């Protein structure tokens, strides 16, 4: 009897492990979104990078800029311009209460509207609606109601280090600076946007320190080390050249379908892994794993 029970336990554990590995996959939606994405920058045509040397502890092992060329004409489309307009609306410093003006709130809406008009986003929305009953998701079918829901999960402020000092969008796409009183270290948290890094690198605010891993299959991605105004990001990761609508839609899909978990799918035979964390009902963070 003991042997049978032991064997049963092993079988149950194996089944549970198998289910865990299977259920992280969200299906064909990533490939569908990628097929519709005409705004991403193409490597070797619209942008190039200089990866230089592997990252090392306590040393800047790469003395040159990461981005050697970016076709700025590609950054003039509506999803890029509305995205860029949001990057200076926040205090990067954790612990400072955020207060948006009416103009800045409208800029958030403008970005959402621009993204929601793309085929990339429409593919994601349709997939969520098709999955809603099976996964008990609350996904509005109308654009206006879904926009309101997305505004809440991405742009509503919550407490990270102080009262209403952070949001999902700020953490993921802008990045946040944190003074660790215990260690005395200056730390960057979040910050998973290649476009934010490119713009800050151009202004000499961000400094590339080297790479840990580089994915050369499309969509490309990088795991790297850098600093922002002497605040260190020891390990970060972001896609390279991907459009705002692709990143926003992919992270949103993973937040709905696999909240607080690893989320996987395949694009061009490459397994894409995204990790999300929740902050109550809101996005805590979302980033690719390389």
Protein backbone atom coordinates (compact mmCIF):
# COMPACT_ATOMS: atom_id res chain seq x y z
CA UNK A 1 0.00 0.00 0.00
CA UNK A 2 2.82 2.39 0.85
CA UNK A 3 4.49 1.65 -2.49
CA UNK A 4 1.26 2.31 -4.37
CA UNK A 5 0.72 5.60 -2.55
CA UNK A 6 4.30 6.61 -3.24
CA UNK A 7 3.90 5.83 -6.92
CA UNK A 8 0.63 7.78 -6.99
CA UNK A 9 2.30 10.82 -5.44
CA UNK A 10 5.07 10.68 -8.05
CA UNK A 11 2.51 10.48 -10.87
CA UNK A 12 0.53 13.43 -9.48
CA UNK A 13 3.69 15.52 -9.15
CA UNK A 14 4.73 14.67 -12.71
CA UNK A 15 1.30 15.61 -14.04
CA UNK A 16 1.37 18.90 -12.11
CA UNK A 17 4.85 19.70 -13.42
CA UNK A 18 3.73 18.87 -16.95
CA UNK A 19 0.71 21.14 -16.61
CA UNK A 20 2.88 23.98 -15.31
CA UNK A 21 5.18 23.73 -18.32
CA UNK A 22 2.25 23.56 -20.74
CA UNK A 23 0.09 26.30 -19.25
CA UNK A 24 2.79 28.96 -19.46
CA UNK A 25 2.31 29.00 -23.25
CA UNK A 26 -0.26 31.47 -24.54
CA UNK A 27 -0.54 30.11 -28.07
CA UNK A 28 -0.30 31.75 -31.48
CA UNK A 29 -1.14 35.30 -30.47
CA UNK A 30 2.52 36.39 -30.34
CA UNK A 31 3.20 35.24 -33.90
CA UNK A 32 -0.07 36.82 -35.03
CA UNK A 33 0.92 40.15 -33.47
CA UNK A 34 4.42 39.97 -34.90
CA UNK A 35 3.08 39.27 -38.40
CA UNK A 36 1.01 42.46 -38.18
CA UNK A 37 3.79 44.66 -36.81
CA UNK A 38 4.96 46.95 -39.61
CA UNK A 39 6.44 49.58 -37.29
CA UNK A 40 9.28 47.66 -35.66
CA UNK A 41 12.77 48.68 -36.73
CA UNK A 42 14.74 46.14 -38.79
CA UNK A 43 18.24 45.30 -37.62
CA UNK A 44 20.91 46.28 -40.13
CA UNK A 45 18.48 48.60 -41.93
CA UNK A 46 16.81 50.79 -39.30
CA UNK A 47 19.19 50.28 -36.38
CA UNK A 48 22.52 48.75 -35.46
CA UNK A 49 24.20 48.10 -32.13
CA UNK A 50 27.73 47.61 -30.84
CA UNK A 51 27.42 44.89 -28.19
CA UNK A 52 31.14 45.13 -27.25
CA UNK A 53 32.11 43.07 -24.20
CA UNK A 54 30.35 40.83 -21.68
CA UNK A 55 29.24 42.62 -18.53
CA UNK A 56 31.44 42.37 -15.44
CA UNK A 57 30.85 43.08 -11.76
CA UNK A 58 31.77 46.59 -10.58
CA UNK A 59 33.35 47.47 -13.95
CA UNK A 60 32.11 49.23 -17.08
CA UNK A 61 33.41 46.74 -19.64
CA UNK A 62 32.05 48.58 -22.69
CA UNK A 63 33.25 52.12 -23.29
CA UNK A 64 31.18 52.96 -26.38
CA UNK A 65 27.47 53.54 -26.96
CA UNK A 66 25.22 50.54 -27.45
CA UNK A 67 23.29 52.07 -30.35
CA UNK A 68 25.42 53.02 -33.34
CA UNK A 69 22.55 53.92 -35.67
CA UNK A 70 18.78 54.41 -35.42
CA UNK A 71 16.57 55.51 -38.30
CA UNK A 72 14.80 58.37 -36.55
CA UNK A 73 12.28 58.70 -39.39
CA UNK A 74 10.74 55.48 -38.11
CA UNK A 75 10.20 57.18 -34.76
CA UNK A 76 7.79 59.72 -36.23
CA UNK A 77 4.79 57.41 -36.40
CA UNK A 78 1.86 57.99 -34.01
CA UNK A 79 2.66 55.14 -31.61
CA UNK A 80 6.28 56.29 -31.30
CA UNK A 81 5.55 59.99 -30.87
CA UNK A 82 2.78 59.44 -28.32
CA UNK A 83 5.01 56.98 -26.44
CA UNK A 84 7.95 59.39 -26.34
CA UNK A 85 5.65 62.15 -25.06
CA UNK A 86 5.06 60.09 -21.90
CA UNK A 87 8.68 59.56 -20.92
CA UNK A 88 9.16 62.97 -19.26
CA UNK A 89 5.88 62.89 -17.31
CA UNK A 90 7.31 61.03 -14.32
CA UNK A 91 9.77 61.43 -11.48
CA UNK A 92 12.12 58.49 -11.93
CA UNK A 93 12.94 58.66 -8.22
CA UNK A 94 11.01 56.17 -6.08
CA UNK A 95 9.51 57.90 -3.04
CA UNK A 96 8.18 61.00 -4.79
CA UNK A 97 4.40 61.13 -5.18
CA UNK A 98 3.41 61.38 -8.84
CA UNK A 99 0.90 64.02 -9.93
CA UNK A 100 -0.06 64.25 -13.58
CA UNK A 101 -1.47 67.39 -15.14
CA UNK A 102 -4.58 67.22 -17.30
CA UNK A 103 -2.33 67.53 -20.34
CA UNK A 104 -0.23 64.58 -19.21
CA UNK A 105 -3.32 62.47 -18.53
CA UNK A 106 -4.50 63.22 -22.06
CA UNK A 107 -1.09 62.17 -23.37
CA UNK A 108 -1.64 58.78 -21.71
CA UNK A 109 -4.97 58.52 -23.52
CA UNK A 110 -3.40 59.58 -26.81
CA UNK A 111 -0.87 56.77 -26.53
CA UNK A 112 -3.54 54.19 -25.76
CA UNK A 113 -5.69 55.36 -28.67
CA UNK A 114 -2.73 55.22 -31.07
CA UNK A 115 -1.80 51.70 -29.96
CA UNK A 116 -5.39 50.47 -30.05
CA UNK A 117 -5.73 51.52 -33.69
CA UNK A 118 -2.96 49.14 -34.79
CA UNK A 119 -3.50 45.64 -36.16
CA UNK A 120 -1.02 44.37 -33.58
CA UNK A 121 -3.27 45.46 -30.74
CA UNK A 122 -6.44 44.25 -32.49
CA UNK A 123 -4.97 40.75 -32.75
CA UNK A 124 -4.22 40.78 -29.03
CA UNK A 125 -7.66 42.11 -28.09
CA UNK A 126 -9.41 39.50 -30.23
CA UNK A 127 -7.36 36.74 -28.63
CA UNK A 128 -8.23 37.93 -25.12
CA UNK A 129 -11.92 38.05 -26.02
CA UNK A 130 -11.74 34.51 -27.43
CA UNK A 131 -10.03 33.32 -24.24
CA UNK A 132 -12.23 35.24 -21.79
CA UNK A 133 -14.84 32.61 -20.97
CA UNK A 134 -12.35 29.74 -20.78
CA UNK A 135 -10.03 31.63 -18.42
CA UNK A 136 -12.68 33.69 -16.58
CA UNK A 137 -11.22 36.96 -17.83
CA UNK A 138 -12.98 40.30 -17.68
CA UNK A 139 -12.20 41.83 -21.07
CA UNK A 140 -14.46 44.57 -22.44
CA UNK A 141 -15.40 44.16 -26.09
CA UNK A 142 -15.78 47.87 -26.85
CA UNK A 143 -12.76 50.04 -27.52
CA UNK A 144 -13.75 52.76 -25.06
CA UNK A 145 -14.35 50.36 -22.16
CA UNK A 146 -11.17 48.42 -22.87
CA UNK A 147 -9.22 51.68 -23.04
CA UNK A 148 -10.52 52.61 -19.58
CA UNK A 149 -9.50 49.21 -18.23
CA UNK A 150 -6.02 49.45 -19.74
CA UNK A 151 -5.63 52.95 -18.35
CA UNK A 152 -6.28 51.60 -14.87
CA UNK A 153 -3.93 48.61 -15.01
CA UNK A 154 -1.06 50.50 -16.67
CA UNK A 155 -1.36 54.14 -15.59
CA UNK A 156 -3.06 54.22 -12.18
CA UNK A 157 -0.56 55.08 -9.47
CA UNK A 158 0.15 52.84 -6.50
CA UNK A 159 2.58 52.79 -3.60
CA UNK A 160 6.02 51.33 -4.26
CA UNK A 161 8.24 53.37 -1.94
CA UNK A 162 5.80 56.10 -0.94
CA UNK A 163 2.23 57.22 -1.55
CA UNK A 164 1.25 56.88 -5.26
CA UNK A 165 4.85 57.07 -6.48
CA UNK A 166 4.74 54.40 -9.19
CA UNK A 167 2.72 52.82 -11.99
CA UNK A 168 3.11 49.87 -14.31
CA UNK A 169 3.92 52.06 -17.29
CA UNK A 170 6.46 54.11 -15.37
CA UNK A 171 8.22 51.06 -13.96
CA UNK A 172 8.39 49.07 -17.21
CA UNK A 173 8.93 51.71 -19.87
CA UNK A 174 10.44 54.70 -18.04
CA UNK A 175 12.38 53.05 -15.23
CA UNK A 176 12.77 54.12 -11.61
CA UNK A 177 15.68 55.17 -9.42
CA UNK A 178 16.01 53.95 -5.86
CA UNK A 179 18.38 54.92 -3.05
CA UNK A 180 18.91 51.82 -0.91
CA UNK A 181 19.43 53.14 2.62
CA UNK A 182 20.72 49.80 3.89
CA UNK A 183 23.44 49.21 1.30
CA UNK A 184 23.97 52.81 0.27
CA UNK A 185 23.64 51.77 -3.37
CA UNK A 186 21.92 53.76 -6.08
CA UNK A 187 19.74 51.34 -8.05
CA UNK A 188 17.63 51.42 -11.20
CA UNK A 189 14.45 49.36 -11.05
CA UNK A 190 12.30 48.27 -13.97
CA UNK A 191 13.42 49.96 -17.20
CA UNK A 192 12.68 47.49 -20.00
CA UNK A 193 12.43 49.79 -23.02
CA UNK A 194 15.07 49.92 -25.74
CA UNK A 195 13.64 53.23 -26.95
CA UNK A 196 13.95 54.87 -23.54
CA UNK A 197 17.53 53.61 -23.34
CA UNK A 198 18.37 54.89 -26.83
CA UNK A 199 16.97 58.35 -26.08
CA UNK A 200 18.72 58.57 -22.71
CA UNK A 201 21.97 57.31 -24.19
CA UNK A 202 21.79 60.08 -26.81
CA UNK A 203 21.43 62.63 -24.00
CA UNK A 204 24.33 61.02 -22.09
CA UNK A 205 22.00 60.11 -19.22
CA UNK A 206 22.33 56.35 -19.79
CA UNK A 207 25.66 54.52 -20.07
CA UNK A 208 25.97 50.98 -21.44
CA UNK A 209 28.23 48.65 -19.41
CA UNK A 210 28.06 45.38 -21.36
CA UNK A 211 25.86 42.41 -22.17
CA UNK A 212 24.97 39.06 -20.63
CA UNK A 213 22.98 37.59 -23.51
CA UNK A 214 21.95 38.67 -27.01
CA UNK A 215 19.14 37.14 -29.04
CA UNK A 216 19.79 37.56 -32.77
CA UNK A 217 16.50 36.02 -33.94
CA UNK A 218 13.62 38.39 -34.66
CA UNK A 219 12.42 39.96 -32.46
CA UNK A 220 15.91 40.61 -31.13
CA UNK A 221 16.58 41.12 -27.45
CA UNK A 222 19.35 41.96 -25.04
CA UNK A 223 20.17 41.18 -21.42
CA UNK A 224 22.51 43.91 -20.25
CA UNK A 225 24.07 46.08 -17.56
CA UNK A 226 23.98 49.90 -17.56
CA UNK A 227 23.57 52.97 -15.40
CA UNK A 228 21.34 56.03 -15.52
CA UNK A 229 22.94 59.14 -14.01
CA UNK A 230 25.13 56.89 -11.82
CA UNK A 231 22.20 54.74 -10.67
CA UNK A 232 23.10 51.14 -11.54
CA UNK A 233 20.98 48.60 -13.35
CA UNK A 234 23.03 45.48 -12.75
CA UNK A 235 20.76 43.23 -14.84
CA UNK A 236 18.02 44.30 -17.22
CA UNK A 237 16.51 43.06 -20.45
CA UNK A 238 14.57 44.53 -23.33
CA UNK A 239 13.65 43.82 -26.92
CA UNK A 240 15.60 45.67 -29.61
CA UNK A 241 13.83 47.73 -32.26
CA UNK A 242 10.34 46.51 -31.42
CA UNK A 243 7.46 48.95 -31.78
CA UNK A 244 5.61 50.42 -28.79
CA UNK A 245 2.41 48.68 -29.86
CA UNK A 246 4.10 45.27 -30.02
CA UNK A 247 5.71 45.57 -26.58
CA UNK A 248 2.61 47.06 -24.95
CA UNK A 249 0.30 44.45 -26.51
CA UNK A 250 2.58 41.52 -25.68
CA UNK A 251 3.02 42.56 -22.05
CA UNK A 252 -0.71 43.23 -21.76
CA UNK A 253 -1.54 39.78 -23.13
CA UNK A 254 0.78 38.14 -20.61
CA UNK A 255 -0.64 40.22 -17.76
CA UNK A 256 -4.17 39.05 -18.58
CA UNK A 257 -3.38 35.46 -19.53
CA UNK A 258 -0.57 34.60 -17.08
CA UNK A 259 -0.59 37.29 -14.36
CA UNK A 260 2.36 37.07 -11.99
CA UNK A 261 3.86 34.16 -13.91
CA UNK A 262 6.18 33.29 -16.74
CA UNK A 263 4.43 33.55 -20.09
CA UNK A 264 5.77 31.83 -23.21
CA UNK A 265 4.95 31.75 -26.91
CA UNK A 266 6.77 31.28 -30.21
CA UNK A 267 7.74 33.79 -32.87
CA UNK A 268 9.61 32.62 -35.97
CA UNK A 269 10.48 29.32 -34.23
CA UNK A 270 11.99 31.24 -31.29
CA UNK A 271 10.53 30.74 -27.82
CA UNK A 272 9.70 34.11 -26.29
CA UNK A 273 9.55 34.28 -22.51
CA UNK A 274 7.92 37.15 -20.63
CA UNK A 275 7.74 37.53 -16.85
CA UNK A 276 5.03 39.63 -15.28
CA UNK A 277 4.47 40.65 -11.67
CA UNK A 278 1.26 42.13 -10.38
CA UNK A 279 0.79 45.00 -7.96
CA UNK A 280 -2.70 44.24 -6.73
CA UNK A 281 -4.96 44.74 -9.76
CA UNK A 282 -2.27 46.62 -11.66
CA UNK A 283 0.85 45.82 -13.64
CA UNK A 284 3.84 45.64 -11.30
CA UNK A 285 6.34 44.90 -14.03
CA UNK A 286 6.76 42.97 -17.28
CA UNK A 287 9.93 42.10 -19.13
CA UNK A 288 11.43 39.59 -21.58
CA UNK A 289 13.74 36.82 -20.42
CA UNK A 290 16.90 36.15 -22.44
